Amino acid sequence: MQWAAQPDAPLTVDGVDLEYACYGPAPDKAPTIIMLHEGLGCLALWRDFPQQVAEQTGMGVFVWSRQGYGQSAPADLPRPVDFMTHEAVDVLPKLLDHIGLRRGILFGHSDGATIAAIHAGSVADMRVRGLILMAPHFFTEPGGLAAIKSARDSFDTGDMQVRMGKYHRDPVATFHGWNDVWLSPGFRDWNVSDVIDYWRVPVLAIQGREDQYGTLAQIEEIEARITAPLDVEVLDNCRHAPHFEQPDRTLKAVVEFAARLERIESQVVVPC
């Protein structure tokens, strides 16, 4: 692969072409922050946030569009109810190997945060030294499902498809790949909260108080179960996209968390 903001070719992992971008130092020079986008996101929809993170943390940042998103290869549909577990356990480890990750942080938004959370609680990966979970989901909530149903109505009757077409190769497949599984009957009982019990790295959880897709119950679940160090940033006047709706506070929390992890990593334990 090419560690560059505009690589010449996609990254091919397990036969799947993925669009990607890299900022800051490569994994052999500094820790790496791996950014996992939301359910309708992609590389381009992070806008300039990855560059800001790289510049202000001094770490490398790797960002990509998962299969079925952005300009990456199409995904097989319909997605199964456990698609986020599949991404976390079967797909993400191969990608981290491919980019040469040595040490770093998984930083996920929404579905991406859930994938990061599942990976940290299911895969023994000593390279992952911290988690940043922005608007994570561990279980379904009636209000969140209602918001997803409303998104389908907007897609069917408004200009959402046109707007998504600016960023995704196949906006119809991308939308339904996300929306259909979340609204499927089998998803109502979906719950992956038990992965929290197995986290062994520091965690930063960021949540908008007015998030339309999930309430503070998601953060409270973390607080009730976690045994690792936890920082929580609840943002007022903020819905589902803290990095856009409260960019200064979100970036500040991310930078401070990354700096604190580096201080911990640099400490030398002297034997008694």
C-alpha atoms as a PDB file:
ATOM      1  CA  MET A   1       0.000   0.000   0.000  1.00  0.00           C
ATOM      2  CA  GLN A   2       0.988   3.653  -0.370  1.00  0.00           C
ATOM      3  CA  TRP A   3       0.933   5.799   2.766  1.00  0.00           C
ATOM      4  CA  ALA A   4      -0.462   8.948   1.164  1.00  0.00           C
ATOM      5  CA  ALA A   5      -3.467  11.271   1.251  1.00  0.00           C
ATOM      6  CA  GLN A   6      -4.207  10.455  -2.388  1.00  0.00           C
ATOM      7  CA  PRO A   7      -2.855   6.977  -3.155  1.00  0.00           C
ATOM      8  CA  ASP A   8      -2.513   5.880  -6.758  1.00  0.00           C
ATOM      9  CA  ALA A   9      -4.606   2.716  -6.386  1.00  0.00           C
ATOM     10  CA  PRO A  10      -7.104   1.175  -3.979  1.00  0.00           C
ATOM     11  CA  LEU A  11      -6.020  -1.086  -1.168  1.00  0.00           C
ATOM     12  CA  THR A  12      -6.833  -4.721  -1.894  1.00  0.00           C
ATOM     13  CA  VAL A  13      -7.576  -6.803   1.189  1.00  0.00           C
ATOM     14  CA  ASP A  14      -8.735 -10.402   0.819  1.00  0.00           C
ATOM     15  CA  GLY A  15      -9.582  -9.714  -2.831  1.00  0.00           C
ATOM     16  CA  VAL A  16     -11.691  -6.618  -2.063  1.00  0.00           C
ATOM     17  CA  ASP A  17     -10.686  -3.190  -3.379  1.00  0.00           C
ATOM     18  CA  LEU A  18     -11.033  -0.443  -0.766  1.00  0.00           C
ATOM     19  CA  GLU A  19     -10.578   3.295  -1.187  1.00  0.00           C
ATOM     20  CA  TYR A  20      -8.375   4.758   1.518  1.00  0.00           C
ATOM     21  CA  ALA A  21      -6.283   7.722   2.590  1.00  0.00           C
ATOM     22  CA  CYS A  22      -3.453   8.206   5.055  1.00  0.00           C
ATOM     23  CA  TYR A  23      -2.303  11.295   6.942  1.00  0.00           C
ATOM     24  CA  GLY A  24       0.664  12.021   9.151  1.00  0.00           C
ATOM     25  CA  PRO A  25       3.486   9.567   9.877  1.00  0.00           C
ATOM     26  CA  ALA A  26       3.403   5.942   8.730  1.00  0.00           C
ATOM     27  CA  PRO A  27       2.935   3.090  11.246  1.00  0.00           C
ATOM     28  CA  ASP A  28       6.685   2.478  11.511  1.00  0.00           C
ATOM     29  CA  LYS A  29       7.222   6.095  12.582  1.00  0.00           C
ATOM     30  CA  ALA A  30       4.424   6.777  15.088  1.00  0.00           C
ATOM     31  CA  PRO A  31       1.214   5.312  16.524  1.00  0.00           C
ATOM     32  CA  THR A  32      -1.719   5.081  14.120  1.00  0.00           C
ATOM     33  CA  ILE A  33      -5.343   6.109  14.576  1.00  0.00           C
ATOM     34  CA  ILE A  34      -7.685   3.881  12.554  1.00  0.00           C
ATOM     35  CA  MET A  35     -10.938   5.683  11.710  1.00  0.00           C
ATOM     36  CA  LEU A  36     -14.095   3.645  11.043  1.00  0.00           C
ATOM     37  CA  HIS A  37     -17.009   5.542   9.503  1.00  0.00           C
ATOM     38  CA  GLU A  38     -20.722   5.456  10.322  1.00  0.00           C
ATOM     39  CA  GLY A  39     -23.487   3.421   8.695  1.00  0.00           C
ATOM     40  CA  LEU A  40     -23.966   5.782   5.745  1.00  0.00           C
ATOM     41  CA  GLY A  41     -20.452   7.230   5.829  1.00  0.00           C
ATOM     42  CA  CYS A  42     -17.317   6.783   3.780  1.00  0.00           C
ATOM     43  CA  LEU A  43     -13.840   8.243   3.441  1.00  0.00           C
ATOM     44  CA  ALA A  44     -14.996  11.494   1.817  1.00  0.00           C
ATOM     45  CA  LEU A  45     -17.690  12.130   4.408  1.00  0.00           C
ATOM     46  CA  TRP A  46     -15.113  12.523   7.174  1.00  0.00           C
ATOM     47  CA  ARG A  47     -14.192  15.730   5.268  1.00  0.00           C
ATOM     48  CA  ASP A  48     -11.028  17.288   6.772  1.00  0.00           C
ATOM     49  CA  PHE A  49     -11.433  15.770  10.238  1.00  0.00           C
ATOM     50  CA  PRO A  50      -8.802  13.010   9.739  1.00  0.00           C
ATOM     51  CA  GLN A  51      -6.209  15.594   8.668  1.00  0.00           C
ATOM     52  CA  GLN A  52      -6.990  17.696  11.731  1.00  0.00           C
ATOM     53  CA  VAL A  53      -6.595  14.668  13.988  1.00  0.00           C
ATOM     54  CA  ALA A  54      -3.237  13.804  12.418  1.00  0.00           C
ATOM     55  CA  GLU A  55      -1.951  17.367  12.670  1.00  0.00           C
ATOM     56  CA  GLN A  56      -2.989  17.899  16.266  1.00  0.00           C
ATOM     57  CA  THR A  57      -2.048  14.491  17.680  1.00  0.00           C
ATOM     58  CA  GLY A  58       1.167  13.952  15.716  1.00  0.00           C
ATOM     59  CA  MET A  59      -0.023  10.418  15.019  1.00  0.00           C
ATOM     60  CA  GLY A  60      -0.682   8.768  11.711  1.00  0.00           C
ATOM     61  CA  VAL A  61      -4.309   8.443  10.630  1.00  0.00           C
ATOM     62  CA  PHE A  62      -5.656   5.720   8.357  1.00  0.00           C
ATOM     63  CA  VAL A  63      -9.176   6.142   6.995  1.00  0.00           C
ATOM     64  CA  TRP A  64     -11.055   4.075   4.420  1.00  0.00           C
ATOM     65  CA  SER A  65     -14.454   3.209   3.020  1.00  0.00           C
ATOM     66  CA  ARG A  66     -15.657  -0.200   4.103  1.00  0.00           C
ATOM     67  CA  GLN A  67     -16.891  -2.596   1.431  1.00  0.00           C
ATOM     68  CA  GLY A  68     -20.165  -1.311   0.006  1.00  0.00           C
ATOM     69  CA  TYR A  69     -19.405   2.319   0.803  1.00  0.00           C
ATOM     70  CA  GLY A  70     -17.848   5.256  -1.009  1.00  0.00           C
ATOM     71  CA  GLN A  71     -15.786   4.087  -3.975  1.00  0.00           C
ATOM     72  CA  SER A  72     -14.913   0.715  -2.447  1.00  0.00           C
ATOM     73  CA  ALA A  73     -16.063  -2.556  -4.001  1.00  0.00           C
ATOM     74  CA  PRO A  74     -19.764  -3.454  -3.690  1.00  0.00           C
ATOM     75  CA  ALA A  75     -20.880  -5.631  -0.793  1.00  0.00           C
ATOM     76  CA  ASP A  76     -23.054  -8.717  -0.876  1.00  0.00           C
ATOM     77  CA  LEU A  77     -26.610  -7.854   0.181  1.00  0.00           C
ATOM     78  CA  PRO A  78     -28.644  -8.252   2.252  1.00  0.00           C
ATOM     79  CA  ARG A  79     -26.285  -7.918   5.181  1.00  0.00           C
ATOM     80  CA  PRO A  80     -26.768 -10.411   8.029  1.00  0.00           C
ATOM     81  CA  VAL A  81     -27.832  -9.208  11.474  1.00  0.00           C
ATOM     82  CA  ASP A  82     -24.310  -9.867  12.766  1.00  0.00           C
ATOM     83  CA  PHE A  83     -22.605  -7.845  10.008  1.00  0.00           C
ATOM     84  CA  MET A  84     -20.794  -5.587  12.487  1.00  0.00           C
ATOM     85  CA  THR A  85     -19.347  -8.607  14.295  1.00  0.00           C
ATOM     86  CA  HIS A  86     -18.187  -9.974  10.943  1.00  0.00           C
ATOM     87  CA  GLU A  87     -16.485  -6.649  10.141  1.00  0.00           C
ATOM     88  CA  ALA A  88     -14.839  -6.570  13.570  1.00  0.00           C
ATOM     89  CA  VAL A  89     -13.655 -10.152  13.817  1.00  0.00           C
ATOM     90  CA  ASP A  90     -13.080 -11.285  10.216  1.00  0.00           C
ATOM     91  CA  VAL A  91     -12.400  -8.151   8.160  1.00  0.00           C
ATOM     92  CA  LEU A  92     -10.713  -5.581  10.398  1.00  0.00           C
ATOM     93  CA  PRO A  93      -7.830  -7.828  11.572  1.00  0.00           C
ATOM     94  CA  LYS A  94      -6.788  -8.482   7.967  1.00  0.00           C
ATOM     95  CA  LEU A  95      -6.881  -4.764   7.160  1.00  0.00           C
ATOM     96  CA  LEU A  96      -4.755  -3.907  10.218  1.00  0.00           C
ATOM     97  CA  ASP A  97      -2.232  -6.538   9.170  1.00  0.00           C
ATOM     98  CA  HIS A  98      -2.194  -5.183   5.623  1.00  0.00           C
ATOM     99  CA  ILE A  99      -1.425  -1.597   6.620  1.00  0.00           C
ATOM    100  CA  GLY A 100       1.344  -2.706   8.971  1.00  0.00           C
ATOM    101  CA  LEU A 101      -0.228  -1.462  12.197  1.00  0.00           C
ATOM    102  CA  ARG A 102       2.218  -1.596  15.084  1.00  0.00           C
ATOM    103  CA  ARG A 103       0.464   0.371  17.804  1.00  0.00           C
ATOM    104  CA  GLY A 104      -2.545   2.628  17.809  1.00  0.00           C
ATOM    105  CA  ILE A 105      -6.145   3.588  18.524  1.00  0.00           C
ATOM    106  CA  LEU A 106      -9.404   2.417  16.952  1.00  0.00           C
ATOM    107  CA  PHE A 107     -11.634   5.468  16.428  1.00  0.00           C
ATOM    108  CA  GLY A 108     -15.149   4.632  15.275  1.00  0.00           C
ATOM    109  CA  HIS A 109     -18.330   6.607  14.635  1.00  0.00           C
ATOM    110  CA  SER A 110     -21.773   4.994  15.035  1.00  0.00           C
ATOM    111  CA  ASP A 111     -21.639   1.568  13.299  1.00  0.00           C
ATOM    112  CA  GLY A 112     -17.884   2.107  13.031  1.00  0.00           C
ATOM    113  CA  ALA A 113     -17.697   2.634  16.795  1.00  0.00           C
ATOM    114  CA  THR A 114     -19.575  -0.612  17.345  1.00  0.00           C
ATOM    115  CA  ILE A 115     -17.180  -2.453  15.035  1.00  0.00           C
ATOM    116  CA  ALA A 116     -14.217  -1.022  16.965  1.00  0.00           C
ATOM    117  CA  ALA A 117     -15.854  -1.974  20.265  1.00  0.00           C
ATOM    118  CA  ILE A 118     -16.509  -5.549  19.139  1.00  0.00           C
ATOM    119  CA  HIS A 119     -12.948  -5.919  17.865  1.00  0.00           C
ATOM    120  CA  ALA A 120     -11.495  -4.755  21.185  1.00  0.00           C
ATOM    121  CA  GLY A 121     -13.716  -7.162  23.105  1.00  0.00           C
ATOM    122  CA  SER A 122     -13.374 -10.171  20.821  1.00  0.00           C
ATOM    123  CA  VAL A 123      -9.918 -10.163  19.233  1.00  0.00           C
ATOM    124  CA  ALA A 124      -6.661 -10.500  21.170  1.00  0.00           C
ATOM    125  CA  ASP A 125      -4.827  -7.658  19.437  1.00  0.00           C
ATOM    126  CA  MET A 126      -2.071  -6.110  21.522  1.00  0.00           C
ATOM    127  CA  ARG A 127      -1.528  -3.435  18.853  1.00  0.00           C
ATOM    128  CA  VAL A 128      -4.778  -1.753  19.846  1.00  0.00           C
ATOM    129  CA  ARG A 129      -3.903   0.445  22.856  1.00  0.00           C
ATOM    130  CA  GLY A 130      -7.070   2.550  23.061  1.00  0.00           C
ATOM    131  CA  LEU A 131     -10.615   3.084  21.793  1.00  0.00           C
ATOM    132  CA  ILE A 132     -12.450   6.244  20.786  1.00  0.00           C
ATOM    133  CA  LEU A 133     -16.147   5.492  20.414  1.00  0.00           C
ATOM    134  CA  MET A 134     -18.291   8.282  19.003  1.00  0.00           C
ATOM    135  CA  ALA A 135     -22.060   7.638  19.149  1.00  0.00           C
ATOM    136  CA  PRO A 136     -21.649   3.865  19.587  1.00  0.00           C
ATOM    137  CA  HIS A 137     -24.503   1.328  19.481  1.00  0.00           C
ATOM    138  CA  PHE A 138     -24.590  -1.771  21.682  1.00  0.00           C
ATOM    139  CA  PHE A 139     -28.316  -2.511  21.451  1.00  0.00           C
ATOM    140  CA  THR A 140     -31.332  -1.192  19.592  1.00  0.00           C
ATOM    141  CA  GLU A 141     -33.620   1.496  21.014  1.00  0.00           C
ATOM    142  CA  PRO A 142     -37.147   2.349  19.825  1.00  0.00           C
ATOM    143  CA  GLY A 143     -36.223   5.976  19.143  1.00  0.00           C
ATOM    144  CA  GLY A 144     -33.180   4.997  17.128  1.00  0.00           C
ATOM    145  CA  LEU A 145     -35.159   2.538  15.021  1.00  0.00           C
ATOM    146  CA  ALA A 146     -37.786   5.222  14.433  1.00  0.00           C
ATOM    147  CA  ALA A 147     -35.058   7.591  13.197  1.00  0.00           C
ATOM    148  CA  ILE A 148     -33.776   4.890  10.837  1.00  0.00           C
ATOM    149  CA  LYS A 149     -37.331   4.377   9.553  1.00  0.00           C
ATOM    150  CA  SER A 150     -37.571   8.141   9.006  1.00  0.00           C
ATOM    151  CA  ALA A 151     -34.305   8.043   7.055  1.00  0.00           C
ATOM    152  CA  ARG A 152     -35.863   5.446   4.733  1.00  0.00           C
ATOM    153  CA  ASP A 153     -38.839   7.711   4.130  1.00  0.00           C
ATOM    154  CA  SER A 154     -36.461  10.574   3.287  1.00  0.00           C
ATOM    155  CA  PHE A 155     -34.507   8.369   0.916  1.00  0.00           C
ATOM    156  CA  ASP A 156     -37.654   7.224  -0.882  1.00  0.00           C
ATOM    157  CA  THR A 157     -39.314  10.628  -1.225  1.00  0.00           C
ATOM    158  CA  GLY A 158     -36.608  13.314  -0.939  1.00  0.00           C
ATOM    159  CA  ASP A 159     -33.226  14.183  -2.433  1.00  0.00           C
ATOM    160  CA  MET A 160     -31.197  11.929  -0.126  1.00  0.00           C
ATOM    161  CA  GLN A 161     -30.331   9.530  -2.947  1.00  0.00           C
ATOM    162  CA  VAL A 162     -28.943  12.379  -5.054  1.00  0.00           C
ATOM    163  CA  ARG A 163     -26.892  13.710  -2.152  1.00  0.00           C
ATOM    164  CA  MET A 164     -25.504  10.260  -1.351  1.00  0.00           C
ATOM    165  CA  GLY A 165     -24.620   9.794  -5.016  1.00  0.00           C
ATOM    166  CA  LYS A 166     -21.929  12.456  -4.637  1.00  0.00           C
ATOM    167  CA  TYR A 167     -19.998  10.170  -2.299  1.00  0.00           C
ATOM    168  CA  HIS A 168     -21.043   6.561  -2.939  1.00  0.00           C
ATOM    169  CA  ARG A 169     -20.584   4.466  -6.070  1.00  0.00           C
ATOM    170  CA  ASP A 170     -24.049   2.945  -5.658  1.00  0.00           C
ATOM    171  CA  PRO A 171     -26.137   5.065  -3.264  1.00  0.00           C
ATOM    172  CA  VAL A 172     -29.150   2.752  -3.463  1.00  0.00           C
ATOM    173  CA  ALA A 173     -27.135  -0.336  -2.456  1.00  0.00           C
ATOM    174  CA  THR A 174     -25.281   1.628   0.222  1.00  0.00           C
ATOM    175  CA  PHE A 175     -28.475   2.952   1.769  1.00  0.00           C
ATOM    176  CA  HIS A 176     -30.376  -0.319   1.736  1.00  0.00           C
ATOM    177  CA  GLY A 177     -27.321  -2.260   2.877  1.00  0.00           C
ATOM    178  CA  TRP A 178     -27.514  -0.247   6.091  1.00  0.00           C
ATOM    179  CA  ASN A 179     -31.205   0.536   6.453  1.00  0.00           C
ATOM    180  CA  ASP A 180     -32.690  -2.848   5.604  1.00  0.00           C
ATOM    181  CA  VAL A 181     -30.707  -4.794   8.190  1.00  0.00           C
ATOM    182  CA  TRP A 182     -31.358  -2.283  10.966  1.00  0.00           C
ATOM    183  CA  LEU A 183     -35.102  -2.429  10.254  1.00  0.00           C
ATOM    184  CA  SER A 184     -35.256  -6.207   9.848  1.00  0.00           C
ATOM    185  CA  PRO A 185     -37.327  -8.061  12.495  1.00  0.00           C
ATOM    186  CA  GLY A 186     -34.298 -10.035  13.663  1.00  0.00           C
ATOM    187  CA  PHE A 187     -32.396  -6.880  14.525  1.00  0.00           C
ATOM    188  CA  ARG A 188     -34.779  -5.748  17.251  1.00  0.00           C
ATOM    189  CA  ASP A 189     -33.133  -8.104  19.754  1.00  0.00           C
ATOM    190  CA  TRP A 190     -29.578  -7.385  18.593  1.00  0.00           C
ATOM    191  CA  ASN A 191     -27.271  -6.731  21.569  1.00  0.00           C
ATOM    192  CA  VAL A 192     -23.464  -6.815  21.761  1.00  0.00           C
ATOM    193  CA  SER A 193     -23.053  -5.180  25.175  1.00  0.00           C
ATOM    194  CA  ASP A 194     -21.105  -8.153  26.506  1.00  0.00           C
ATOM    195  CA  VAL A 195     -18.029  -7.080  24.517  1.00  0.00           C
ATOM    196  CA  ILE A 196     -17.586  -4.220  26.992  1.00  0.00           C
ATOM    197  CA  ASP A 197     -16.733  -6.768  29.699  1.00  0.00           C
ATOM    198  CA  TYR A 198     -13.594  -7.763  27.814  1.00  0.00           C
ATOM    199  CA  TRP A 199     -12.039  -4.372  27.088  1.00  0.00           C
ATOM    200  CA  ARG A 200      -8.563  -4.006  28.550  1.00  0.00           C
ATOM    201  CA  VAL A 201      -7.536  -0.645  27.066  1.00  0.00           C
ATOM    202  CA  PRO A 202      -8.462   2.987  27.891  1.00  0.00           C
ATOM    203  CA  VAL A 203     -11.647   4.235  26.251  1.00  0.00           C
ATOM    204  CA  LEU A 204     -12.990   7.650  25.272  1.00  0.00           C
ATOM    205  CA  ALA A 205     -16.758   7.679  24.668  1.00  0.00           C
ATOM    206  CA  ILE A 206     -18.301  10.710  22.929  1.00  0.00           C
ATOM    207  CA  GLN A 207     -22.052  11.210  22.665  1.00  0.00           C
ATOM    208  CA  GLY A 208     -24.332  14.019  21.554  1.00  0.00           C
ATOM    209  CA  ARG A 209     -27.072  14.567  24.109  1.00  0.00           C
ATOM    210  CA  GLU A 210     -29.657  14.981  21.323  1.00  0.00           C
ATOM    211  CA  ASP A 211     -28.450  12.054  19.181  1.00  0.00           C
ATOM    212  CA  GLN A 212     -31.439  10.876  17.146  1.00  0.00           C
ATOM    213  CA  TYR A 213     -30.069   7.354  16.716  1.00  0.00           C
ATOM    214  CA  GLY A 214     -29.136   6.527  20.302  1.00  0.00           C
ATOM    215  CA  THR A 215     -29.602   7.837  23.821  1.00  0.00           C
ATOM    216  CA  LEU A 216     -27.240   8.156  26.763  1.00  0.00           C
ATOM    217  CA  ALA A 217     -28.300   4.619  27.661  1.00  0.00           C
ATOM    218  CA  GLN A 218     -25.539   3.461  25.305  1.00  0.00           C
ATOM    219  CA  ILE A 219     -22.930   5.352  27.351  1.00  0.00           C
ATOM    220  CA  GLU A 220     -24.487   4.238  30.637  1.00  0.00           C
ATOM    221  CA  GLU A 221     -24.078   0.633  29.485  1.00  0.00           C
ATOM    222  CA  ILE A 222     -20.359   1.257  29.106  1.00  0.00           C
ATOM    223  CA  GLU A 223     -20.137   2.892  32.532  1.00  0.00           C
ATOM    224  CA  ALA A 224     -21.979  -0.017  34.166  1.00  0.00           C
ATOM    225  CA  ARG A 225     -19.804  -2.747  32.677  1.00  0.00           C
ATOM    226  CA  ILE A 226     -16.339  -1.432  31.939  1.00  0.00           C
ATOM    227  CA  THR A 227     -13.304  -2.306  34.065  1.00  0.00           C
ATOM    228  CA  ALA A 228     -10.783  -0.371  31.941  1.00  0.00           C
ATOM    229  CA  PRO A 229     -10.163   3.402  32.271  1.00  0.00           C
ATOM    230  CA  LEU A 230     -13.010   5.446  30.766  1.00  0.00           C
ATOM    231  CA  ASP A 231     -13.411   9.088  29.778  1.00  0.00           C
ATOM    232  CA  VAL A 232     -16.874  10.303  28.760  1.00  0.00           C
ATOM    233  CA  GLU A 233     -17.654  13.441  26.763  1.00  0.00           C
ATOM    234  CA  VAL A 234     -21.374  14.241  26.521  1.00  0.00           C
ATOM    235  CA  LEU A 235     -21.978  17.179  24.206  1.00  0.00           C
ATOM    236  CA  ASP A 236     -24.969  19.488  24.538  1.00  0.00           C
ATOM    237  CA  ASN A 237     -26.655  20.859  21.414  1.00  0.00           C
ATOM    238  CA  CYS A 238     -25.310  17.886  19.487  1.00  0.00           C
ATOM    239  CA  ARG A 239     -26.992  15.066  17.620  1.00  0.00           C
ATOM    240  CA  HIS A 240     -25.337  12.151  15.803  1.00  0.00           C
ATOM    241  CA  ALA A 241     -22.228  13.817  14.350  1.00  0.00           C
ATOM    242  CA  PRO A 242     -20.154  15.366  17.164  1.00  0.00           C
ATOM    243  CA  HIS A 243     -17.159  15.965  14.891  1.00  0.00           C
ATOM    244  CA  PHE A 244     -19.299  18.304  12.743  1.00  0.00           C
ATOM    245  CA  GLU A 245     -21.802  19.679  15.245  1.00  0.00           C
ATOM    246  CA  GLN A 246     -19.330  20.289  18.074  1.00  0.00           C
ATOM    247  CA  PRO A 247     -16.004  20.094  16.205  1.00  0.00           C
ATOM    248  CA  ASP A 248     -13.823  22.030  18.651  1.00  0.00           C
ATOM    249  CA  ARG A 249     -14.870  20.095  21.721  1.00  0.00           C
ATOM    250  CA  THR A 250     -14.744  16.777  19.885  1.00  0.00           C
ATOM    251  CA  LEU A 251     -11.268  17.381  18.493  1.00  0.00           C
ATOM    252  CA  LYS A 252     -10.035  18.621  21.869  1.00  0.00           C
ATOM    253  CA  ALA A 253     -11.283  15.461  23.583  1.00  0.00           C
ATOM    254  CA  VAL A 254      -9.633  13.255  20.948  1.00  0.00           C
ATOM    255  CA  VAL A 255      -6.299  15.100  21.111  1.00  0.00           C
ATOM    256  CA  GLU A 256      -6.192  15.053  24.915  1.00  0.00           C
ATOM    257  CA  PHE A 257      -7.051  11.348  25.033  1.00  0.00           C
ATOM    258  CA  ALA A 258      -4.348  10.484  22.481  1.00  0.00           C
ATOM    259  CA  ALA A 259      -1.778  12.557  24.369  1.00  0.00           C
ATOM    260  CA  ARG A 260      -2.673  10.859  27.647  1.00  0.00           C
ATOM    261  CA  LEU A 261      -2.267   7.431  26.060  1.00  0.00           C
ATOM    262  CA  GLU A 262       1.158   8.419  24.779  1.00  0.00           C
ATOM    263  CA  ARG A 263       2.214   9.551  28.246  1.00  0.00           C
ATOM    264  CA  ILE A 264       1.126   6.191  29.630  1.00  0.00           C
ATOM    265  CA  GLU A 265       2.968   4.331  26.857  1.00  0.00           C
ATOM    266  CA  SER A 266       6.165   6.276  27.479  1.00  0.00           C
ATOM    267  CA  GLN A 267       6.323   5.555  31.195  1.00  0.00           C
ATOM    268  CA  VAL A 268       9.096   3.224  32.227  1.00  0.00           C
ATOM    269  CA  VAL A 269       8.275   0.860  35.070  1.00  0.00           C
ATOM    270  CA  VAL A 270      11.290   0.472  37.386  1.00  0.00           C
ATOM    271  CA  PRO A 271      11.419  -2.892  39.225  1.00  0.00           C
ATOM    272  CA  CYS A 272      11.405  -2.714  43.011  1.00  0.00           C
END
